[in-house]
Amino acid sequence: VQLVESGGGLVQPGGSLRLSCAASGFTFSQYAMRWFRQTPGK
């Protein structure tokens, strides 16, 4: 199983960004997919 995120980086306020997560090793269509985020200490 692999989940590989991409699309992050340094962006300016007001801009837009699209993150991607490419999956392999399991039947993707049968899974709920979620995005989480984490900052230091939280």
ModelCIF file with pLDDT and N, C-alpha, C, O atoms, coordinates in Angstrom:
data_MODEL
#
_entry.id   MODEL 
#
_entity.id                         1 
_entity.type                       polymer 
_entity.pdbx_number_of_molecules   1 
#
_entity_poly.entity_id                      1 
_entity_poly.type                           'polypeptide(L)' 
_entity_poly.nstd_linkage                   no 
_entity_poly.nstd_monomer                   no 
_entity_poly.pdbx_seq_one_letter_code       VQLVESGGGLVQPGGSLRLSCAASGFTFSQYAMRWFRQTPGK 
_entity_poly.pdbx_seq_one_letter_code_can   VQLVESGGGLVQPGGSLRLSCAASGFTFSQYAMRWFRQTPGK 
_entity_poly.pdbx_strand_id                 A 
#
loop_
_entity_poly_seq.entity_id 
_entity_poly_seq.num 
_entity_poly_seq.mon_id 
_entity_poly_seq.hetero 
1 1  VAL n 
1 2  GLN n 
1 3  LEU n 
1 4  VAL n 
1 5  GLU n 
1 6  SER n 
1 7  GLY n 
1 8  GLY n 
1 9  GLY n 
1 10 LEU n 
1 11 VAL n 
1 12 GLN n 
1 13 PRO n 
1 14 GLY n 
1 15 GLY n 
1 16 SER n 
1 17 LEU n 
1 18 ARG n 
1 19 LEU n 
1 20 SER n 
1 21 CYS n 
1 22 ALA n 
1 23 ALA n 
1 24 SER n 
1 25 GLY n 
1 26 PHE n 
1 27 THR n 
1 28 PHE n 
1 29 SER n 
1 30 GLN n 
1 31 TYR n 
1 32 ALA n 
1 33 MET n 
1 34 ARG n 
1 35 TRP n 
1 36 PHE n 
1 37 ARG n 
1 38 GLN n 
1 39 THR n 
1 40 PRO n 
1 41 GLY n 
1 42 LYS n 
#
_struct_asym.id          A 
_struct_asym.entity_id   1 
#
loop_
_ma_qa_metric.id 
_ma_qa_metric.mode 
_ma_qa_metric.name 
_ma_qa_metric.software_group_id 
_ma_qa_metric.type 
1 global pLDDT . pLDDT 
2 local  pLDDT . pLDDT 
#
_ma_qa_metric_global.metric_id      1 
_ma_qa_metric_global.metric_value   96.21 
_ma_qa_metric_global.model_id       1 
_ma_qa_metric_global.ordinal_id     1 
#
loop_
_ma_qa_metric_local.label_asym_id 
_ma_qa_metric_local.label_comp_id 
_ma_qa_metric_local.label_seq_id 
_ma_qa_metric_local.metric_id 
_ma_qa_metric_local.metric_value 
_ma_qa_metric_local.model_id 
_ma_qa_metric_local.ordinal_id 
A VAL 1  2 96.00 1 1  
A GLN 2  2 97.00 1 2  
A LEU 3  2 98.00 1 3  
A VAL 4  2 97.00 1 4  
A GLU 5  2 97.00 1 5  
A SER 6  2 96.00 1 6  
A GLY 7  2 96.00 1 7  
A GLY 8  2 95.00 1 8  
A GLY 9  2 94.00 1 9  
A LEU 10 2 95.00 1 10 
A VAL 11 2 93.00 1 11 
A GLN 12 2 94.00 1 12 
A PRO 13 2 95.00 1 13 
A GLY 14 2 94.00 1 14 
A GLY 15 2 92.00 1 15 
A SER 16 2 94.00 1 16 
A LEU 17 2 94.00 1 17 
A ARG 18 2 97.00 1 18 
A LEU 19 2 98.00 1 19 
A SER 20 2 98.00 1 20 
A CYS 21 2 98.00 1 21 
A ALA 22 2 98.00 1 22 
A ALA 23 2 98.00 1 23 
A SER 24 2 98.00 1 24 
A GLY 25 2 97.00 1 25 
A PHE 26 2 96.00 1 26 
A THR 27 2 96.00 1 27 
A PHE 28 2 97.00 1 28 
A SER 29 2 96.00 1 29 
A GLN 30 2 96.00 1 30 
A TYR 31 2 97.00 1 31 
A ALA 32 2 98.00 1 32 
A MET 33 2 98.00 1 33 
A ARG 34 2 98.00 1 34 
A TRP 35 2 98.00 1 35 
A PHE 36 2 98.00 1 36 
A ARG 37 2 98.00 1 37 
A GLN 38 2 98.00 1 38 
A THR 39 2 96.00 1 39 
A PRO 40 2 93.00 1 40 
A GLY 41 2 94.00 1 41 
A LYS 42 2 95.00 1 42 
#
loop_
_atom_site.group_PDB 
_atom_site.id 
_atom_site.type_symbol 
_atom_site.label_atom_id 
_atom_site.label_alt_id 
_atom_site.label_comp_id 
_atom_site.label_asym_id 
_atom_site.label_entity_id 
_atom_site.label_seq_id 
_atom_site.pdbx_PDB_ins_code 
_atom_site.Cartn_x 
_atom_site.Cartn_y 
_atom_site.Cartn_z 
_atom_site.occupancy 
_atom_site.B_iso_or_equiv 
_atom_site.pdbx_formal_charge 
_atom_site.auth_seq_id 
_atom_site.auth_comp_id 
_atom_site.auth_asym_id 
_atom_site.auth_atom_id 
_atom_site.pdbx_PDB_model_num 
ATOM 1   N N  . VAL A 1 1  ? 0.840   -1.198 0.000  1.00 96.00 ? 1  VAL A N  1 
ATOM 2   C CA . VAL A 1 1  ? 0.000   0.000  0.000  1.00 96.00 ? 1  VAL A CA 1 
ATOM 3   C C  . VAL A 1 1  ? 0.870   1.241  0.000  1.00 96.00 ? 1  VAL A C  1 
ATOM 4   O O  . VAL A 1 1  ? 1.834   1.349  0.758  1.00 96.00 ? 1  VAL A O  1 
ATOM 5   N N  . GLN A 1 2  ? 0.507   2.182  -0.870 1.00 97.00 ? 2  GLN A N  1 
ATOM 6   C CA . GLN A 1 2  ? 1.196   3.471  -0.887 1.00 97.00 ? 2  GLN A CA 1 
ATOM 7   C C  . GLN A 1 2  ? 0.197   4.593  -1.078 1.00 97.00 ? 2  GLN A C  1 
ATOM 8   O O  . GLN A 1 2  ? -0.733  4.498  -1.879 1.00 97.00 ? 2  GLN A O  1 
ATOM 9   N N  . LEU A 1 3  ? 0.413   5.656  -0.323 1.00 98.00 ? 3  LEU A N  1 
ATOM 10  C CA . LEU A 1 3  ? -0.297  6.917  -0.523 1.00 98.00 ? 3  LEU A CA 1 
ATOM 11  C C  . LEU A 1 3  ? 0.777   7.988  -0.641 1.00 98.00 ? 3  LEU A C  1 
ATOM 12  O O  . LEU A 1 3  ? 1.541   8.220  0.296  1.00 98.00 ? 3  LEU A O  1 
ATOM 13  N N  . VAL A 1 4  ? 0.829   8.635  -1.792 1.00 97.00 ? 4  VAL A N  1 
ATOM 14  C CA . VAL A 1 4  ? 1.887   9.601  -2.040 1.00 97.00 ? 4  VAL A CA 1 
ATOM 15  C C  . VAL A 1 4  ? 1.271   10.973 -2.310 1.00 97.00 ? 4  VAL A C  1 
ATOM 16  O O  . VAL A 1 4  ? 0.636   11.203 -3.339 1.00 97.00 ? 4  VAL A O  1 
ATOM 17  N N  . GLU A 1 5  ? 1.482   11.874 -1.352 1.00 97.00 ? 5  GLU A N  1 
ATOM 18  C CA . GLU A 1 5  ? 0.969   13.232 -1.499 1.00 97.00 ? 5  GLU A CA 1 
ATOM 19  C C  . GLU A 1 5  ? 1.928   14.088 -2.307 1.00 97.00 ? 5  GLU A C  1 
ATOM 20  O O  . GLU A 1 5  ? 3.136   13.854 -2.307 1.00 97.00 ? 5  GLU A O  1 
ATOM 21  N N  . SER A 1 6  ? 1.389   15.068 -2.985 1.00 96.00 ? 6  SER A N  1 
ATOM 22  C CA . SER A 1 6  ? 2.190   16.032 -3.726 1.00 96.00 ? 6  SER A CA 1 
ATOM 23  C C  . SER A 1 6  ? 1.407   17.326 -3.858 1.00 96.00 ? 6  SER A C  1 
ATOM 24  O O  . SER A 1 6  ? 0.208   17.371 -3.584 1.00 96.00 ? 6  SER A O  1 
ATOM 25  N N  . GLY A 1 7  ? 2.095   18.375 -4.281 1.00 96.00 ? 7  GLY A N  1 
ATOM 26  C CA . GLY A 1 7  ? 1.440   19.642 -4.528 1.00 96.00 ? 7  GLY A CA 1 
ATOM 27  C C  . GLY A 1 7  ? 1.649   20.692 -3.456 1.00 96.00 ? 7  GLY A C  1 
ATOM 28  O O  . GLY A 1 7  ? 1.224   21.836 -3.619 1.00 96.00 ? 7  GLY A O  1 
ATOM 29  N N  . GLY A 1 8  ? 2.292   20.324 -2.370 1.00 95.00 ? 8  GLY A N  1 
ATOM 30  C CA . GLY A 1 8  ? 2.552   21.300 -1.329 1.00 95.00 ? 8  GLY A CA 1 
ATOM 31  C C  . GLY A 1 8  ? 3.682   22.231 -1.702 1.00 95.00 ? 8  GLY A C  1 
ATOM 32  O O  . GLY A 1 8  ? 4.327   22.065 -2.738 1.00 95.00 ? 8  GLY A O  1 
ATOM 33  N N  . GLY A 1 9  ? 3.917   23.214 -0.848 1.00 94.00 ? 9  GLY A N  1 
ATOM 34  C CA . GLY A 1 9  ? 4.999   24.154 -1.091 1.00 94.00 ? 9  GLY A CA 1 
ATOM 35  C C  . GLY A 1 9  ? 4.753   25.471 -0.406 1.00 94.00 ? 9  GLY A C  1 
ATOM 36  O O  . GLY A 1 9  ? 3.881   25.590 0.456  1.00 94.00 ? 9  GLY A O  1 
ATOM 37  N N  . LEU A 1 10 ? 5.529   26.458 -0.797 1.00 95.00 ? 10 LEU A N  1 
ATOM 38  C CA . LEU A 1 10 ? 5.405   27.810 -0.268 1.00 95.00 ? 10 LEU A CA 1 
ATOM 39  C C  . LEU A 1 10 ? 4.556   28.636 -1.228 1.00 95.00 ? 10 LEU A C  1 
ATOM 40  O O  . LEU A 1 10 ? 4.881   28.768 -2.408 1.00 95.00 ? 10 LEU A O  1 
ATOM 41  N N  . VAL A 1 11 ? 3.473   29.184 -0.709 1.00 93.00 ? 11 VAL A N  1 
ATOM 42  C CA . VAL A 1 11 ? 2.569   29.972 -1.539 1.00 93.00 ? 11 VAL A CA 1 
ATOM 43  C C  . VAL A 1 11 ? 2.221   31.270 -0.829 1.00 93.00 ? 11 VAL A C  1 
ATOM 44  O O  . VAL A 1 11 ? 2.310   31.369 0.395  1.00 93.00 ? 11 VAL A O  1 
ATOM 45  N N  . GLN A 1 12 ? 1.829   32.251 -1.604 1.00 94.00 ? 12 GLN A N  1 
ATOM 46  C CA . GLN A 1 12 ? 1.490   33.553 -1.032 1.00 94.00 ? 12 GLN A CA 1 
ATOM 47  C C  . GLN A 1 12 ? 0.035   33.593 -0.582 1.00 94.00 ? 12 GLN A C  1 
ATOM 48  O O  . GLN A 1 12 ? -0.809  32.899 -1.149 1.00 94.00 ? 12 GLN A O  1 
ATOM 49  N N  . PRO A 1 13 ? -0.257  34.379 0.405  1.00 95.00 ? 13 PRO A N  1 
ATOM 50  C CA . PRO A 1 13 ? -1.650  34.532 0.828  1.00 95.00 ? 13 PRO A CA 1 
ATOM 51  C C  . PRO A 1 13 ? -2.530  34.972 -0.333 1.00 95.00 ? 13 PRO A C  1 
ATOM 52  O O  . PRO A 1 13 ? -2.129  35.766 -1.184 1.00 95.00 ? 13 PRO A O  1 
ATOM 53  N N  . GLY A 1 14 ? -3.743  34.430 -0.338 1.00 94.00 ? 14 GLY A N  1 
ATOM 54  C CA . GLY A 1 14 ? -4.685  34.757 -1.387 1.00 94.00 ? 14 GLY A CA 1 
ATOM 55  C C  . GLY A 1 14 ? -4.631  33.845 -2.588 1.00 94.00 ? 14 GLY A C  1 
ATOM 56  O O  . GLY A 1 14 ? -5.535  33.853 -3.423 1.00 94.00 ? 14 GLY A O  1 
ATOM 57  N N  . GLY A 1 15 ? -3.587  33.068 -2.678 1.00 92.00 ? 15 GLY A N  1 
ATOM 58  C CA . GLY A 1 15 ? -3.445  32.174 -3.810 1.00 92.00 ? 15 GLY A CA 1 
ATOM 59  C C  . GLY A 1 15 ? -4.217  30.887 -3.638 1.00 92.00 ? 15 GLY A C  1 
ATOM 60  O O  . GLY A 1 15 ? -4.986  30.721 -2.692 1.00 92.00 ? 15 GLY A O  1 
ATOM 61  N N  . SER A 1 16 ? -3.996  29.975 -4.576 1.00 94.00 ? 16 SER A N  1 
ATOM 62  C CA . SER A 1 16 ? -4.670  28.678 -4.541 1.00 94.00 ? 16 SER A CA 1 
ATOM 63  C C  . SER A 1 16 ? -3.646  27.569 -4.692 1.00 94.00 ? 16 SER A C  1 
ATOM 64  O O  . SER A 1 16 ? -2.529  27.774 -5.166 1.00 94.00 ? 16 SER A O  1 
ATOM 65  N N  . LEU A 1 17 ? -4.069  26.387 -4.270 1.00 94.00 ? 17 LEU A N  1 
ATOM 66  C CA . LEU A 1 17 ? -3.180  25.239 -4.298 1.00 94.00 ? 17 LEU A CA 1 
ATOM 67  C C  . LEU A 1 17 ? -4.028  23.994 -4.461 1.00 94.00 ? 17 LEU A C  1 
ATOM 68  O O  . LEU A 1 17 ? -5.146  23.926 -3.950 1.00 94.00 ? 17 LEU A O  1 
ATOM 69  N N  . ARG A 1 18 ? -3.503  23.012 -5.168 1.00 97.00 ? 18 ARG A N  1 
ATOM 70  C CA . ARG A 1 18 ? -4.188  21.727 -5.240 1.00 97.00 ? 18 ARG A CA 1 
ATOM 71  C C  . ARG A 1 18 ? -3.230  20.624 -4.805 1.00 97.00 ? 18 ARG A C  1 
ATOM 72  O O  . ARG A 1 18 ? -2.178  20.404 -5.405 1.00 97.00 ? 18 ARG A O  1 
ATOM 73  N N  . LEU A 1 19 ? -3.630  19.950 -3.751 1.00 98.00 ? 19 LEU A N  1 
ATOM 74  C CA . LEU A 1 19 ? -2.874  18.790 -3.291 1.00 98.00 ? 19 LEU A CA 1 
ATOM 75  C C  . LEU A 1 19 ? -3.411  17.534 -3.961 1.00 98.00 ? 19 LEU A C  1 
ATOM 76  O O  . LEU A 1 19 ? -4.608  17.413 -4.221 1.00 98.00 ? 19 LEU A O  1 
ATOM 77  N N  . SER A 1 20 ? -2.508  16.608 -4.234 1.00 98.00 ? 20 SER A N  1 
ATOM 78  C CA . SER A 1 20 ? -2.891  15.325 -4.816 1.00 98.00 ? 20 SER A CA 1 
ATOM 79  C C  . SER A 1 20 ? -2.376  14.200 -3.942 1.00 98.00 ? 20 SER A C  1 
ATOM 80  O O  . SER A 1 20 ? -1.360  14.336 -3.260 1.00 98.00 ? 20 SER A O  1 
ATOM 81  N N  . CYS A 1 21 ? -3.085  13.100 -3.973 1.00 98.00 ? 21 CYS A N  1 
ATOM 82  C CA . CYS A 1 21 ? -2.659  11.904 -3.249 1.00 98.00 ? 21 CYS A CA 1 
ATOM 83  C C  . CYS A 1 21 ? -2.888  10.711 -4.161 1.00 98.00 ? 21 CYS A C  1 
ATOM 84  O O  . CYS A 1 21 ? -4.027  10.328 -4.428 1.00 98.00 ? 21 CYS A O  1 
ATOM 85  N N  . ALA A 1 22 ? -1.806  10.134 -4.631 1.00 98.00 ? 22 ALA A N  1 
ATOM 86  C CA . ALA A 1 22 ? -1.881  8.983  -5.520 1.00 98.00 ? 22 ALA A CA 1 
ATOM 87  C C  . ALA A 1 22 ? -1.811  7.700  -4.703 1.00 98.00 ? 22 ALA A C  1 
ATOM 88  O O  . ALA A 1 22 ? -0.891  7.507  -3.908 1.00 98.00 ? 22 ALA A O  1 
ATOM 89  N N  . ALA A 1 23 ? -2.787  6.832  -4.904 1.00 98.00 ? 23 ALA A N  1 
ATOM 90  C CA . ALA A 1 23 ? -2.904  5.609  -4.116 1.00 98.00 ? 23 ALA A CA 1 
ATOM 91  C C  . ALA A 1 23 ? -2.580  4.376  -4.952 1.00 98.00 ? 23 ALA A C  1 
ATOM 92  O O  . ALA A 1 23 ? -2.806  4.350  -6.161 1.00 98.00 ? 23 ALA A O  1 
ATOM 93  N N  . SER A 1 24 ? -2.054  3.372  -4.292 1.00 98.00 ? 24 SER A N  1 
ATOM 94  C CA . SER A 1 24 ? -1.791  2.095  -4.944 1.00 98.00 ? 24 SER A CA 1 
ATOM 95  C C  . SER A 1 24 ? -1.757  0.996  -3.897 1.00 98.00 ? 24 SER A C  1 
ATOM 96  O O  . SER A 1 24 ? -1.535  1.249  -2.713 1.00 98.00 ? 24 SER A O  1 
ATOM 97  N N  . GLY A 1 25 ? -1.980  -0.228 -4.354 1.00 97.00 ? 25 GLY A N  1 
ATOM 98  C CA . GLY A 1 25 ? -1.868  -1.373 -3.449 1.00 97.00 ? 25 GLY A CA 1 
ATOM 99  C C  . GLY A 1 25 ? -3.154  -1.774 -2.753 1.00 97.00 ? 25 GLY A C  1 
ATOM 100 O O  . GLY A 1 25 ? -3.157  -2.698 -1.939 1.00 97.00 ? 25 GLY A O  1 
ATOM 101 N N  . PHE A 1 26 ? -4.242  -1.094 -3.060 1.00 96.00 ? 26 PHE A N  1 
ATOM 102 C CA . PHE A 1 26 ? -5.545  -1.465 -2.502 1.00 96.00 ? 26 PHE A CA 1 
ATOM 103 C C  . PHE A 1 26 ? -6.624  -0.986 -3.474 1.00 96.00 ? 26 PHE A C  1 
ATOM 104 O O  . PHE A 1 26 ? -6.348  -0.237 -4.411 1.00 96.00 ? 26 PHE A O  1 
ATOM 105 N N  . THR A 1 27 ? -7.850  -1.429 -3.232 1.00 96.00 ? 27 THR A N  1 
ATOM 106 C CA . THR A 1 27 ? -8.952  -1.083 -4.137 1.00 96.00 ? 27 THR A CA 1 
ATOM 107 C C  . THR A 1 27 ? -9.466  0.302  -3.779 1.00 96.00 ? 27 THR A C  1 
ATOM 108 O O  . THR A 1 27 ? -10.360 0.463  -2.947 1.00 96.00 ? 27 THR A O  1 
ATOM 109 N N  . PHE A 1 28 ? -8.888  1.277  -4.418 1.00 97.00 ? 28 PHE A N  1 
ATOM 110 C CA . PHE A 1 28 ? -9.113  2.689  -4.081 1.00 97.00 ? 28 PHE A CA 1 
ATOM 111 C C  . PHE A 1 28 ? -10.601 3.045  -4.051 1.00 97.00 ? 28 PHE A C  1 
ATOM 112 O O  . PHE A 1 28 ? -11.055 3.729  -3.133 1.00 97.00 ? 28 PHE A O  1 
ATOM 113 N N  . SER A 1 29 ? -11.346 2.594  -5.028 1.00 96.00 ? 29 SER A N  1 
ATOM 114 C CA . SER A 1 29 ? -12.744 3.024  -5.159 1.00 96.00 ? 29 SER A CA 1 
ATOM 115 C C  . SER A 1 29 ? -13.600 2.577  -3.981 1.00 96.00 ? 29 SER A C  1 
ATOM 116 O O  . SER A 1 29 ? -14.684 3.120  -3.769 1.00 96.00 ? 29 SER A O  1 
ATOM 117 N N  . GLN A 1 30 ? -13.138 1.608  -3.218 1.00 96.00 ? 30 GLN A N  1 
ATOM 118 C CA . GLN A 1 30 ? -13.925 1.083  -2.112 1.00 96.00 ? 30 GLN A CA 1 
ATOM 119 C C  . GLN A 1 30 ? -13.606 1.766  -0.784 1.00 96.00 ? 30 GLN A C  1 
ATOM 120 O O  . GLN A 1 30 ? -14.200 1.444  0.246  1.00 96.00 ? 30 GLN A O  1 
ATOM 121 N N  . TYR A 1 31 ? -12.679 2.699  -0.813 1.00 97.00 ? 31 TYR A N  1 
ATOM 122 C CA . TYR A 1 31 ? -12.244 3.347  0.419  1.00 97.00 ? 31 TYR A CA 1 
ATOM 123 C C  . TYR A 1 31 ? -12.723 4.795  0.494  1.00 97.00 ? 31 TYR A C  1 
ATOM 124 O O  . TYR A 1 31 ? -12.764 5.511  -0.507 1.00 97.00 ? 31 TYR A O  1 
ATOM 125 N N  . ALA A 1 32 ? -13.080 5.198  1.696  1.00 98.00 ? 32 ALA A N  1 
ATOM 126 C CA . ALA A 1 32 ? -13.256 6.620  1.959  1.00 98.00 ? 32 ALA A CA 1 
ATOM 127 C C  . ALA A 1 32 ? -11.868 7.243  2.011  1.00 98.00 ? 32 ALA A C  1 
ATOM 128 O O  . ALA A 1 32 ? -10.927 6.655  2.545  1.00 98.00 ? 32 ALA A O  1 
ATOM 129 N N  . MET A 1 33 ? -11.757 8.434  1.453  1.00 98.00 ? 33 MET A N  1 
ATOM 130 C CA . MET A 1 33 ? -10.480 9.133  1.442  1.00 98.00 ? 33 MET A CA 1 
ATOM 131 C C  . MET A 1 33 ? -10.607 10.423 2.242  1.00 98.00 ? 33 MET A C  1 
ATOM 132 O O  . MET A 1 33 ? -11.627 11.109 2.187  1.00 98.00 ? 33 MET A O  1 
ATOM 133 N N  . ARG A 1 34 ? -9.563  10.735 2.978  1.00 98.00 ? 34 ARG A N  1 
ATOM 134 C CA . ARG A 1 34 ? -9.626  11.896 3.868  1.00 98.00 ? 34 ARG A CA 1 
ATOM 135 C C  . ARG A 1 34 ? -8.317  12.680 3.820  1.00 98.00 ? 34 ARG A C  1 
ATOM 136 O O  . ARG A 1 34 ? -7.249  12.131 3.550  1.00 98.00 ? 34 ARG A O  1 
ATOM 137 N N  . TRP A 1 35 ? -8.431  13.955 4.084  1.00 98.00 ? 35 TRP A N  1 
ATOM 138 C CA . TRP A 1 35 ? -7.272  14.818 4.261  1.00 98.00 ? 35 TRP A CA 1 
ATOM 139 C C  . TRP A 1 35 ? -7.268  15.324 5.704  1.00 98.00 ? 35 TRP A C  1 
ATOM 140 O O  . TRP A 1 35 ? -8.276  15.804 6.223  1.00 98.00 ? 35 TRP A O  1 
ATOM 141 N N  . PHE A 1 36 ? -6.114  15.202 6.320  1.00 98.00 ? 36 PHE A N  1 
ATOM 142 C CA . PHE A 1 36 ? -5.874  15.729 7.648  1.00 98.00 ? 36 PHE A CA 1 
ATOM 143 C C  . PHE A 1 36 ? -4.756  16.771 7.546  1.00 98.00 ? 36 PHE A C  1 
ATOM 144 O O  . PHE A 1 36 ? -4.030  16.833 6.554  1.00 98.00 ? 36 PHE A O  1 
ATOM 145 N N  . ARG A 1 37 ? -4.641  17.574 8.584  1.00 98.00 ? 37 ARG A N  1 
ATOM 146 C CA . ARG A 1 37 ? -3.492  18.479 8.676  1.00 98.00 ? 37 ARG A CA 1 
ATOM 147 C C  . ARG A 1 37 ? -3.010  18.545 10.116 1.00 98.00 ? 37 ARG A C  1 
ATOM 148 O O  . ARG A 1 37 ? -3.753  18.303 11.067 1.00 98.00 ? 37 ARG A O  1 
ATOM 149 N N  . GLN A 1 38 ? -1.735  18.882 10.231 1.00 98.00 ? 38 GLN A N  1 
ATOM 150 C CA . GLN A 1 38 ? -1.121  18.922 11.554 1.00 98.00 ? 38 GLN A CA 1 
ATOM 151 C C  . GLN A 1 38 ? -0.071  20.024 11.592 1.00 98.00 ? 38 GLN A C  1 
ATOM 152 O O  . GLN A 1 38 ? 0.716   20.192 10.661 1.00 98.00 ? 38 GLN A O  1 
ATOM 153 N N  . THR A 1 39 ? -0.081  20.771 12.692 1.00 96.00 ? 39 THR A N  1 
ATOM 154 C CA . THR A 1 39 ? 0.941   21.769 12.950 1.00 96.00 ? 39 THR A CA 1 
ATOM 155 C C  . THR A 1 39 ? 1.748   21.327 14.161 1.00 96.00 ? 39 THR A C  1 
ATOM 156 O O  . THR A 1 39 ? 1.270   20.514 14.953 1.00 96.00 ? 39 THR A O  1 
ATOM 157 N N  . PRO A 1 40 ? 2.957   21.844 14.320 1.00 93.00 ? 40 PRO A N  1 
ATOM 158 C CA . PRO A 1 40 ? 3.826   21.398 15.410 1.00 93.00 ? 40 PRO A CA 1 
ATOM 159 C C  . PRO A 1 40 ? 3.162   21.520 16.776 1.00 93.00 ? 40 PRO A C  1 
ATOM 160 O O  . PRO A 1 40 ? 2.606   22.564 17.116 1.00 93.00 ? 40 PRO A O  1 
ATOM 161 N N  . GLY A 1 41 ? 3.226   20.452 17.548 1.00 94.00 ? 41 GLY A N  1 
ATOM 162 C CA . GLY A 1 41 ? 2.699   20.450 18.901 1.00 94.00 ? 41 GLY A CA 1 
ATOM 163 C C  . GLY A 1 41 ? 1.204   20.256 19.002 1.00 94.00 ? 41 GLY A C  1 
ATOM 164 O O  . GLY A 1 41 ? 0.647   20.273 20.099 1.00 94.00 ? 41 GLY A O  1 
ATOM 165 N N  . LYS A 1 42 ? 0.544   20.069 17.864 1.00 95.00 ? 42 LYS A N  1 
ATOM 166 C CA . LYS A 1 42 ? -0.908  19.893 17.886 1.00 95.00 ? 42 LYS A CA 1 
ATOM 167 C C  . LYS A 1 42 ? -1.302  18.549 17.288 1.00 95.00 ? 42 LYS A C  1 
ATOM 168 O O  . LYS A 1 42 ? -2.488  18.226 17.223 1.00 95.00 ? 42 LYS A O  1 
#
